[in-house]
């Protein structure tokens, strides 16, 4: 399949806004569903305000951001793991039964033409309880790709479609254990 899959899947792109916005725009433009995609719009301040407003407000804000999307795509830049909303948004996506995939985007130039260093994968810091009752890291259940090495421009639509298919085929969301959450709150 080429970069333009026949079926469009609205994607929620989760990333470090200050450092990776240009990279996110580039990936979204190639996704094939650019009109229905959503970008993460959390800031440190808006995340803290939602946390302080209580669990109900936080859940509402996370659900509002994910509404209409079938896949959450974590774009991993050099410092993505530092952002406090990354873990909870991935956990919430998981609990909603959405498809999840992660892509290292450090090799895509920013608005100044600069590349970044490869960042740590936040999927390794979260875990879920599988259908067999065992605990597994998100990184074992959700794929991670490197944009440059895995030819992201050619395969992005395929990766998104596969993530959507896998989530729909599962029929149920696995329980998130919340491992790693304290580091993100």
C-alpha atoms as a PDB file:
ATOM      1  CA  UNK A   1       0.000   0.000   0.000  1.00  0.00           C
ATOM      2  CA  UNK A   2       1.299   3.465  -0.754  1.00  0.00           C
ATOM      3  CA  UNK A   3       1.185   6.486   1.566  1.00  0.00           C
ATOM      4  CA  UNK A   4      -2.430   7.222   0.596  1.00  0.00           C
ATOM      5  CA  UNK A   5      -4.555   4.414   2.064  1.00  0.00           C
ATOM      6  CA  UNK A   6      -8.023   3.892   0.639  1.00  0.00           C
ATOM      7  CA  UNK A   7      -9.754   4.292   4.005  1.00  0.00           C
ATOM      8  CA  UNK A   8      -9.151   7.387   6.112  1.00  0.00           C
ATOM      9  CA  UNK A   9      -8.793   7.086   9.889  1.00  0.00           C
ATOM     10  CA  UNK A  10      -8.941  10.300  11.933  1.00  0.00           C
ATOM     11  CA  UNK A  11      -5.792  10.519  14.044  1.00  0.00           C
ATOM     12  CA  UNK A  12      -5.029  12.273  17.320  1.00  0.00           C
ATOM     13  CA  UNK A  13      -1.369  13.322  17.175  1.00  0.00           C
ATOM     14  CA  UNK A  14       0.233  13.442  20.613  1.00  0.00           C
ATOM     15  CA  UNK A  15       3.593  15.245  20.752  1.00  0.00           C
ATOM     16  CA  UNK A  16       5.750  17.981  22.317  1.00  0.00           C
ATOM     17  CA  UNK A  17       4.171  21.142  20.859  1.00  0.00           C
ATOM     18  CA  UNK A  18       7.042  23.544  21.418  1.00  0.00           C
ATOM     19  CA  UNK A  19       9.682  21.315  19.828  1.00  0.00           C
ATOM     20  CA  UNK A  20       7.854  19.170  17.286  1.00  0.00           C
ATOM     21  CA  UNK A  21       4.933  21.135  15.786  1.00  0.00           C
ATOM     22  CA  UNK A  22       6.515  21.333  12.327  1.00  0.00           C
ATOM     23  CA  UNK A  23       7.246  17.607  12.408  1.00  0.00           C
ATOM     24  CA  UNK A  24       3.630  16.900  13.425  1.00  0.00           C
ATOM     25  CA  UNK A  25       2.265  19.039  10.593  1.00  0.00           C
ATOM     26  CA  UNK A  26       4.506  17.226   8.121  1.00  0.00           C
ATOM     27  CA  UNK A  27       3.356  13.778   9.296  1.00  0.00           C
ATOM     28  CA  UNK A  28      -0.308  14.826   9.389  1.00  0.00           C
ATOM     29  CA  UNK A  29      -0.154  16.105   5.818  1.00  0.00           C
ATOM     30  CA  UNK A  30       1.000  12.675   4.665  1.00  0.00           C
ATOM     31  CA  UNK A  31      -1.536  10.726   6.760  1.00  0.00           C
ATOM     32  CA  UNK A  32      -4.293  10.977   4.167  1.00  0.00           C
ATOM     33  CA  UNK A  33      -6.884  12.216   6.680  1.00  0.00           C
ATOM     34  CA  UNK A  34      -5.523  15.700   7.307  1.00  0.00           C
ATOM     35  CA  UNK A  35      -8.992  17.311   7.415  1.00  0.00           C
ATOM     36  CA  UNK A  36     -10.124  15.143  10.326  1.00  0.00           C
ATOM     37  CA  UNK A  37      -6.865  14.880  12.270  1.00  0.00           C
ATOM     38  CA  UNK A  38      -6.455  16.542  15.661  1.00  0.00           C
ATOM     39  CA  UNK A  39      -3.273  17.915  17.154  1.00  0.00           C
ATOM     40  CA  UNK A  40      -2.458  17.736  20.820  1.00  0.00           C
ATOM     41  CA  UNK A  41      -3.070  21.216  22.197  1.00  0.00           C
ATOM     42  CA  UNK A  42      -2.010  20.682  25.791  1.00  0.00           C
ATOM     43  CA  UNK A  43       0.380  23.140  27.343  1.00  0.00           C
ATOM     44  CA  UNK A  44       2.033  22.704  30.715  1.00  0.00           C
ATOM     45  CA  UNK A  45      -0.376  25.312  32.097  1.00  0.00           C
ATOM     46  CA  UNK A  46      -3.575  23.824  30.609  1.00  0.00           C
ATOM     47  CA  UNK A  47      -2.596  20.354  31.806  1.00  0.00           C
ATOM     48  CA  UNK A  48      -1.952  21.615  35.343  1.00  0.00           C
ATOM     49  CA  UNK A  49      -5.267  23.517  35.367  1.00  0.00           C
ATOM     50  CA  UNK A  50      -7.168  20.393  34.265  1.00  0.00           C
ATOM     51  CA  UNK A  51      -5.415  18.316  36.935  1.00  0.00           C
ATOM     52  CA  UNK A  52      -6.291  20.839  39.630  1.00  0.00           C
ATOM     53  CA  UNK A  53      -9.933  20.938  38.488  1.00  0.00           C
ATOM     54  CA  UNK A  54     -10.386  17.299  39.426  1.00  0.00           C
ATOM     55  CA  UNK A  55     -10.620  13.894  37.815  1.00  0.00           C
ATOM     56  CA  UNK A  56     -13.990  14.540  36.162  1.00  0.00           C
ATOM     57  CA  UNK A  57     -12.749  17.688  34.404  1.00  0.00           C
ATOM     58  CA  UNK A  58      -9.530  15.972  33.369  1.00  0.00           C
ATOM     59  CA  UNK A  59     -11.446  12.999  31.904  1.00  0.00           C
ATOM     60  CA  UNK A  60     -13.771  15.390  30.051  1.00  0.00           C
ATOM     61  CA  UNK A  61     -10.850  17.354  28.581  1.00  0.00           C
ATOM     62  CA  UNK A  62      -9.044  14.194  27.464  1.00  0.00           C
ATOM     63  CA  UNK A  63     -12.213  12.765  25.910  1.00  0.00           C
ATOM     64  CA  UNK A  64     -12.915  16.076  24.125  1.00  0.00           C
ATOM     65  CA  UNK A  65      -9.480  16.029  22.539  1.00  0.00           C
ATOM     66  CA  UNK A  66      -9.813  12.418  21.366  1.00  0.00           C
ATOM     67  CA  UNK A  67     -13.403  12.734  20.130  1.00  0.00           C
ATOM     68  CA  UNK A  68     -13.875  11.580  16.560  1.00  0.00           C
ATOM     69  CA  UNK A  69     -10.461   9.911  16.320  1.00  0.00           C
ATOM     70  CA  UNK A  70      -9.889   6.185  15.958  1.00  0.00           C
ATOM     71  CA  UNK A  71      -6.098   6.184  16.374  1.00  0.00           C
ATOM     72  CA  UNK A  72      -3.654   7.982  18.665  1.00  0.00           C
ATOM     73  CA  UNK A  73      -0.265   8.529  17.059  1.00  0.00           C
ATOM     74  CA  UNK A  74       2.532   9.403  19.461  1.00  0.00           C
ATOM     75  CA  UNK A  75       5.189  11.416  17.647  1.00  0.00           C
ATOM     76  CA  UNK A  76       8.408  10.886  19.573  1.00  0.00           C
ATOM     77  CA  UNK A  77      10.881  13.722  19.433  1.00  0.00           C
ATOM     78  CA  UNK A  78      13.985  14.322  21.493  1.00  0.00           C
ATOM     79  CA  UNK A  79      12.100  15.408  24.640  1.00  0.00           C
ATOM     80  CA  UNK A  80       8.542  14.131  24.184  1.00  0.00           C
ATOM     81  CA  UNK A  81       8.826  11.924  27.277  1.00  0.00           C
ATOM     82  CA  UNK A  82       9.112  15.061  29.458  1.00  0.00           C
ATOM     83  CA  UNK A  83       5.569  16.282  28.808  1.00  0.00           C
ATOM     84  CA  UNK A  84       3.147  15.422  31.645  1.00  0.00           C
ATOM     85  CA  UNK A  85       0.115  14.686  29.446  1.00  0.00           C
ATOM     86  CA  UNK A  86       1.778  12.086  27.221  1.00  0.00           C
ATOM     87  CA  UNK A  87       1.303   9.108  29.563  1.00  0.00           C
ATOM     88  CA  UNK A  88      -2.273   9.878  30.622  1.00  0.00           C
ATOM     89  CA  UNK A  89      -3.403  10.582  27.038  1.00  0.00           C
ATOM     90  CA  UNK A  90      -1.948   7.250  25.910  1.00  0.00           C
ATOM     91  CA  UNK A  91      -3.558   5.442  28.842  1.00  0.00           C
ATOM     92  CA  UNK A  92      -6.914   7.061  28.113  1.00  0.00           C
ATOM     93  CA  UNK A  93      -6.625   6.197  24.409  1.00  0.00           C
ATOM     94  CA  UNK A  94      -5.881   2.615  25.426  1.00  0.00           C
ATOM     95  CA  UNK A  95      -8.853   2.478  27.804  1.00  0.00           C
ATOM     96  CA  UNK A  96     -11.139   3.793  25.037  1.00  0.00           C
ATOM     97  CA  UNK A  97      -9.944   0.969  22.781  1.00  0.00           C
ATOM     98  CA  UNK A  98      -8.300   3.257  20.235  1.00  0.00           C
ATOM     99  CA  UNK A  99      -5.471   2.157  18.012  1.00  0.00           C
ATOM    100  CA  UNK A 100      -2.090   3.429  19.189  1.00  0.00           C
ATOM    101  CA  UNK A 101       1.188   3.703  17.352  1.00  0.00           C
ATOM    102  CA  UNK A 102       4.400   5.603  18.008  1.00  0.00           C
ATOM    103  CA  UNK A 103       6.777   7.127  15.496  1.00  0.00           C
ATOM    104  CA  UNK A 104      10.257   8.496  16.150  1.00  0.00           C
ATOM    105  CA  UNK A 105      10.295  11.798  14.230  1.00  0.00           C
ATOM    106  CA  UNK A 106      13.685  13.198  15.237  1.00  0.00           C
ATOM    107  CA  UNK A 107      14.931  12.871  11.645  1.00  0.00           C
ATOM    108  CA  UNK A 108      12.263  15.180  10.214  1.00  0.00           C
ATOM    109  CA  UNK A 109      13.585  18.754  10.023  1.00  0.00           C
ATOM    110  CA  UNK A 110      11.968  21.409  12.215  1.00  0.00           C
ATOM    111  CA  UNK A 111      10.948  24.838  10.883  1.00  0.00           C
ATOM    112  CA  UNK A 112      14.632  25.878  10.901  1.00  0.00           C
ATOM    113  CA  UNK A 113      15.798  22.748   9.075  1.00  0.00           C
ATOM    114  CA  UNK A 114      17.294  21.195  12.233  1.00  0.00           C
ATOM    115  CA  UNK A 115      17.154  17.530  13.143  1.00  0.00           C
ATOM    116  CA  UNK A 116      16.927  16.333  16.750  1.00  0.00           C
ATOM    117  CA  UNK A 117      18.359  13.463  18.762  1.00  0.00           C
ATOM    118  CA  UNK A 118      16.334  10.289  19.072  1.00  0.00           C
ATOM    119  CA  UNK A 119      14.182  10.507  22.203  1.00  0.00           C
ATOM    120  CA  UNK A 120      13.125   7.853  24.708  1.00  0.00           C
ATOM    121  CA  UNK A 121       9.936   5.956  23.871  1.00  0.00           C
ATOM    122  CA  UNK A 122       7.161   6.750  26.405  1.00  0.00           C
ATOM    123  CA  UNK A 123       5.405   3.469  25.506  1.00  0.00           C
ATOM    124  CA  UNK A 124       8.056   1.670  27.548  1.00  0.00           C
ATOM    125  CA  UNK A 125       6.973   3.546  30.693  1.00  0.00           C
ATOM    126  CA  UNK A 126       3.337   2.400  30.625  1.00  0.00           C
ATOM    127  CA  UNK A 127       1.842  -1.036  31.072  1.00  0.00           C
ATOM    128  CA  UNK A 128      -1.487  -2.793  30.673  1.00  0.00           C
ATOM    129  CA  UNK A 129      -3.131  -6.005  31.833  1.00  0.00           C
ATOM    130  CA  UNK A 130      -3.597  -8.376  28.899  1.00  0.00           C
ATOM    131  CA  UNK A 131      -6.529 -10.720  28.363  1.00  0.00           C
ATOM    132  CA  UNK A 132      -4.479 -13.472  29.998  1.00  0.00           C
ATOM    133  CA  UNK A 133      -4.112 -11.406  33.186  1.00  0.00           C
ATOM    134  CA  UNK A 134      -0.415 -10.719  32.609  1.00  0.00           C
ATOM    135  CA  UNK A 135       1.119  -7.267  32.800  1.00  0.00           C
ATOM    136  CA  UNK A 136       2.770  -5.979  29.626  1.00  0.00           C
ATOM    137  CA  UNK A 137       4.491  -2.742  28.604  1.00  0.00           C
ATOM    138  CA  UNK A 138       2.613  -0.688  26.012  1.00  0.00           C
ATOM    139  CA  UNK A 139       5.706  -1.076  23.830  1.00  0.00           C
ATOM    140  CA  UNK A 140       4.960  -4.813  23.535  1.00  0.00           C
ATOM    141  CA  UNK A 141       1.373  -4.271  22.388  1.00  0.00           C
ATOM    142  CA  UNK A 142       1.648  -1.180  20.238  1.00  0.00           C
ATOM    143  CA  UNK A 143       4.084  -0.693  17.362  1.00  0.00           C
ATOM    144  CA  UNK A 144       6.851   1.896  17.255  1.00  0.00           C
ATOM    145  CA  UNK A 145       8.418   2.991  13.990  1.00  0.00           C
ATOM    146  CA  UNK A 146      11.319   5.208  13.007  1.00  0.00           C
ATOM    147  CA  UNK A 147      10.158   7.676  10.341  1.00  0.00           C
ATOM    148  CA  UNK A 148      13.428   7.642   8.420  1.00  0.00           C
ATOM    149  CA  UNK A 149      14.475   3.994   8.721  1.00  0.00           C
ATOM    150  CA  UNK A 150      10.998   2.576   8.110  1.00  0.00           C
ATOM    151  CA  UNK A 151      10.152   4.892   5.189  1.00  0.00           C
ATOM    152  CA  UNK A 152       7.379   6.757   7.002  1.00  0.00           C
ATOM    153  CA  UNK A 153       6.337   8.778   3.955  1.00  0.00           C
ATOM    154  CA  UNK A 154       5.629   5.550   2.099  1.00  0.00           C
ATOM    155  CA  UNK A 155       4.057   3.544   4.949  1.00  0.00           C
ATOM    156  CA  UNK A 156       2.244   5.987   7.265  1.00  0.00           C
ATOM    157  CA  UNK A 157      -1.283   5.323   5.957  1.00  0.00           C
ATOM    158  CA  UNK A 158      -0.623   1.585   6.236  1.00  0.00           C
ATOM    159  CA  UNK A 159       0.590   1.950   9.861  1.00  0.00           C
ATOM    160  CA  UNK A 160      -2.482   3.999  10.786  1.00  0.00           C
ATOM    161  CA  UNK A 161      -4.878   1.577   9.071  1.00  0.00           C
ATOM    162  CA  UNK A 162      -3.240  -1.385  10.810  1.00  0.00           C
ATOM    163  CA  UNK A 163      -3.516   0.325  14.210  1.00  0.00           C
ATOM    164  CA  UNK A 164      -7.200   1.094  13.581  1.00  0.00           C
ATOM    165  CA  UNK A 165      -7.836  -2.478  12.429  1.00  0.00           C
ATOM    166  CA  UNK A 166      -6.084  -3.984  15.441  1.00  0.00           C
ATOM    167  CA  UNK A 167      -8.090  -1.848  17.865  1.00  0.00           C
ATOM    168  CA  UNK A 168     -11.389  -2.676  16.152  1.00  0.00           C
ATOM    169  CA  UNK A 169     -10.519  -6.375  16.010  1.00  0.00           C
ATOM    170  CA  UNK A 170      -9.690  -6.536  19.710  1.00  0.00           C
ATOM    171  CA  UNK A 171     -13.292  -5.807  20.664  1.00  0.00           C
ATOM    172  CA  UNK A 172     -12.254  -4.623  24.109  1.00  0.00           C
ATOM    173  CA  UNK A 173      -9.805  -2.308  25.753  1.00  0.00           C
ATOM    174  CA  UNK A 174      -7.277  -3.858  28.053  1.00  0.00           C
ATOM    175  CA  UNK A 175      -6.967  -2.470  31.522  1.00  0.00           C
ATOM    176  CA  UNK A 176      -4.198   0.061  31.967  1.00  0.00           C
ATOM    177  CA  UNK A 177      -2.173  -0.438  35.129  1.00  0.00           C
ATOM    178  CA  UNK A 178      -1.142   3.198  35.274  1.00  0.00           C
ATOM    179  CA  UNK A 179       2.512   2.253  35.635  1.00  0.00           C
ATOM    180  CA  UNK A 180       4.581   5.354  35.117  1.00  0.00           C
ATOM    181  CA  UNK A 181       1.686   7.722  35.792  1.00  0.00           C
ATOM    182  CA  UNK A 182       3.210   9.381  38.879  1.00  0.00           C
ATOM    183  CA  UNK A 183       6.113  10.602  36.741  1.00  0.00           C
ATOM    184  CA  UNK A 184       3.671  12.389  34.429  1.00  0.00           C
ATOM    185  CA  UNK A 185       1.350  14.067  36.971  1.00  0.00           C
END
